[in-house]
Protein backbone atom coordinates (compact mmCIF):
# COMPACT_ATOMS: atom_id res chain seq x y z
CA UNK A 1 0.24 0.24 0.13
CA UNK A 2 1.10 3.55 -0.79
CA UNK A 3 1.48 5.91 1.84
CA UNK A 4 0.92 9.77 0.82
CA UNK A 5 3.99 11.28 1.61
CA UNK A 6 4.69 15.14 0.90
CA UNK A 7 7.68 14.49 -0.73
CA UNK A 8 7.00 11.24 -2.56
CA UNK A 9 7.73 12.70 -6.20
CA UNK A 10 4.88 10.55 -7.58
CA UNK A 11 2.36 13.00 -4.86
CA UNK A 12 4.17 16.25 -4.56
CA UNK A 13 2.08 19.08 -6.39
CA UNK A 14 5.05 20.60 -8.00
CA UNK A 15 6.59 17.68 -9.95
CA UNK A 16 6.09 19.80 -13.61
CA UNK A 17 7.69 22.44 -12.27
CA UNK A 18 10.76 20.56 -10.88
CA UNK A 19 10.46 19.13 -14.61
CA UNK A 20 10.31 22.55 -15.98
CA UNK A 21 13.87 23.24 -14.42
CA UNK A 22 15.33 19.94 -15.19
CA UNK A 23 15.28 20.97 -18.21
CA UNK A 24 17.23 24.63 -18.59
CA UNK A 25 20.38 24.06 -20.14
CA UNK A 26 23.36 24.64 -17.52
CA UNK A 27 24.45 28.40 -18.19
CA UNK A 28 20.82 29.19 -17.72
CA UNK A 29 20.22 27.15 -14.64
CA UNK A 30 23.42 28.42 -13.14
CA UNK A 31 22.13 32.45 -14.44
CA UNK A 32 18.96 31.89 -12.53
CA UNK A 33 20.79 30.43 -9.45
CA UNK A 34 23.27 32.52 -8.78
CA UNK A 35 20.34 35.30 -9.18
CA UNK A 36 18.71 33.31 -6.43
CA UNK A 37 21.82 33.20 -4.22
CA UNK A 38 22.27 36.82 -4.89
CA UNK A 39 18.86 37.51 -3.48
CA UNK A 40 18.70 35.42 -0.48
CA UNK A 41 22.18 36.69 0.35
CA UNK A 42 20.76 40.46 0.75
CA UNK A 43 21.87 42.26 -2.25
CA UNK A 44 18.86 43.93 -2.44
CA UNK A 45 16.58 46.02 -0.51
CA UNK A 46 16.31 45.75 3.28
CA UNK A 47 12.29 45.76 2.32
CA UNK A 48 10.21 42.44 3.06
CA UNK A 49 10.39 39.61 1.22
CA UNK A 50 7.86 40.06 -0.99
CA UNK A 51 8.93 43.02 -2.04
CA UNK A 52 12.53 41.53 -2.58
CA UNK A 53 11.14 38.37 -4.40
CA UNK A 54 9.52 41.11 -6.71
CA UNK A 55 12.42 43.22 -7.73
CA UNK A 56 14.67 39.98 -7.63
CA UNK A 57 12.55 38.97 -11.19
CA UNK A 58 12.23 42.08 -12.41
CA UNK A 59 14.86 43.43 -15.33
CA UNK A 60 17.45 45.91 -14.11
CA UNK A 61 17.41 49.48 -15.47
CA UNK A 62 19.92 50.10 -17.86
CA UNK A 63 21.84 51.94 -15.29
CA UNK A 64 21.73 48.95 -12.68
CA UNK A 65 22.68 46.51 -15.42
CA UNK A 66 25.85 48.67 -16.07
CA UNK A 67 26.86 49.93 -12.57
CA UNK A 68 26.71 46.06 -11.52
CA UNK A 69 28.40 45.08 -14.51
CA UNK A 70 31.21 47.01 -13.88
CA UNK A 71 31.63 46.25 -10.39
CA UNK A 72 32.26 42.82 -11.15
CA UNK A 73 34.47 43.54 -14.08
CA UNK A 74 36.28 46.19 -11.19
CA UNK A 75 36.92 43.81 -8.33
CA UNK A 76 38.68 41.14 -10.57
CA UNK A 77 40.45 43.27 -12.68
CA UNK A 78 43.32 43.66 -10.62
CA UNK A 79 44.18 40.06 -10.92
CA UNK A 80 43.46 40.07 -14.81
CA UNK A 81 46.13 42.14 -15.31
CA UNK A 82 49.20 40.56 -12.71
CA UNK A 83 48.31 37.48 -15.54
CA UNK A 84 48.85 39.76 -18.72
CA UNK A 85 52.07 41.54 -17.07
CA UNK A 86 53.00 37.90 -16.33
CA UNK A 87 52.12 36.95 -20.05
CA UNK A 88 54.32 40.02 -21.02
CA UNK A 89 57.21 39.10 -19.19
CA UNK A 90 57.55 36.47 -21.95
CA UNK A 91 57.23 33.07 -20.41
CA UNK A 92 57.49 29.22 -22.16
CA UNK A 93 54.53 28.38 -24.19
CA UNK A 94 54.03 25.87 -22.06
CA UNK A 95 53.92 28.26 -18.49
CA UNK A 96 52.22 30.59 -20.82
CA UNK A 97 48.97 28.37 -21.62
CA UNK A 98 48.93 27.15 -17.96
CA UNK A 99 48.99 30.66 -16.80
CA UNK A 100 45.90 31.56 -19.63
CA UNK A 101 44.20 28.42 -19.29
CA UNK A 102 44.77 28.42 -15.44
CA UNK A 103 43.67 31.45 -14.33
CA UNK A 104 43.17 34.25 -16.96
CA UNK A 105 40.17 31.89 -18.75
CA UNK A 106 38.26 30.79 -15.31
CA UNK A 107 38.44 34.83 -14.16
CA UNK A 108 36.81 35.79 -18.02
CA UNK A 109 34.56 32.76 -17.40
CA UNK A 110 33.46 33.83 -13.92
CA UNK A 111 32.74 37.54 -15.27
CA UNK A 112 30.52 36.22 -17.64
CA UNK A 113 28.70 33.78 -15.34
CA UNK A 114 28.09 36.61 -12.88
CA UNK A 115 27.34 39.20 -15.06
CA UNK A 116 24.79 37.06 -17.01
CA UNK A 117 23.17 36.85 -13.71
CA UNK A 118 22.09 40.07 -13.37
CA UNK A 119 19.67 39.75 -15.67
CA UNK A 120 19.33 41.86 -19.09
CA UNK A 121 17.53 45.49 -18.91
CA UNK A 122 14.77 46.37 -20.90
CA UNK A 123 15.63 47.15 -24.11
CA UNK A 124 19.42 46.14 -24.17
CA UNK A 125 18.56 42.68 -25.25
CA UNK A 126 20.50 42.59 -28.56
CA UNK A 127 23.36 44.70 -27.00
CA UNK A 128 23.24 42.04 -24.05
CA UNK A 129 23.61 38.74 -26.60
CA UNK A 130 26.25 40.35 -28.85
CA UNK A 131 28.03 41.06 -26.01
CA UNK A 132 27.78 37.72 -24.63
CA UNK A 133 28.48 36.02 -27.98
CA UNK A 134 31.51 38.20 -28.59
CA UNK A 135 32.80 37.43 -25.05
CA UNK A 136 32.18 33.42 -25.24
CA UNK A 137 34.15 33.52 -28.95
CA UNK A 138 37.17 35.55 -27.52
CA UNK A 139 37.21 32.81 -25.14
CA UNK A 140 37.29 29.98 -26.86
CA UNK A 141 39.02 31.11 -29.19
CA UNK A 142 41.90 32.21 -26.21
CA UNK A 143 41.53 28.46 -24.73
CA UNK A 144 42.55 27.19 -28.04
CA UNK A 145 45.47 29.08 -28.57
CA UNK A 146 46.69 30.62 -25.57
CA UNK A 147 48.94 32.88 -27.23
CA UNK A 148 46.21 34.74 -28.16
CA UNK A 149 45.86 36.32 -24.81
CA UNK A 150 46.85 39.63 -23.92
CA UNK A 151 45.80 43.25 -23.68
CA UNK A 152 43.75 43.13 -27.29
CA UNK A 153 42.57 40.10 -26.43
CA UNK A 154 39.38 40.66 -26.30
CA UNK A 155 38.89 44.02 -28.54
CA UNK A 156 35.87 43.30 -29.93
CA UNK A 157 33.96 42.85 -27.34
CA UNK A 158 35.19 45.86 -25.77
CA UNK A 159 34.28 47.88 -28.45
CA UNK A 160 30.68 46.90 -27.79
CA UNK A 161 31.04 46.50 -23.88
CA UNK A 162 32.30 50.13 -23.71
CA UNK A 163 30.23 51.18 -25.94
CA UNK A 164 27.43 50.26 -23.96
CA UNK A 165 28.69 51.13 -20.83
CA UNK A 166 30.89 48.44 -19.73
CA UNK A 167 34.04 50.57 -19.53
CA UNK A 168 35.47 48.32 -16.52
CA UNK A 169 35.39 45.26 -18.16
CA UNK A 170 38.07 44.88 -21.01
CA UNK A 171 39.86 47.92 -19.90
CA UNK A 172 43.28 47.22 -21.97
CA UNK A 173 41.08 46.18 -25.47
């Protein structure tokens, strides 16, 4: 005989929602999870839970998006610039590849993930998609050939991002 348990997936009323989450792509799920963690950590206002919940799902304004994205980039620019300086010291190809793959690329990927977690401002969908696409392409190119890492490595991304206001992202490009 089957006991009706609230945690039993066969009787739980939210099974369709869990299935919907399960079919999200990994980057989308990571971005959504990061946004939830940030909201739970109190990155929003100190108002009631209902208000915080509503603001967490609302799209950021362009000014909020730009400010948050610049803060994310600014927070890691020191370590990224130090890596570029290491690479400028003409290390061996093997050492350079280890530096690029071991610290440079993971830091850039982290920036991308954190910026995607901000959300997209209304009306900025095309520009944000283009920036994401360009940055992902630059990352893939550098992963294939670590020798491409350097001050101008993200020039195509930087041109669009700086024009959008993300001046702290790829500041050397």
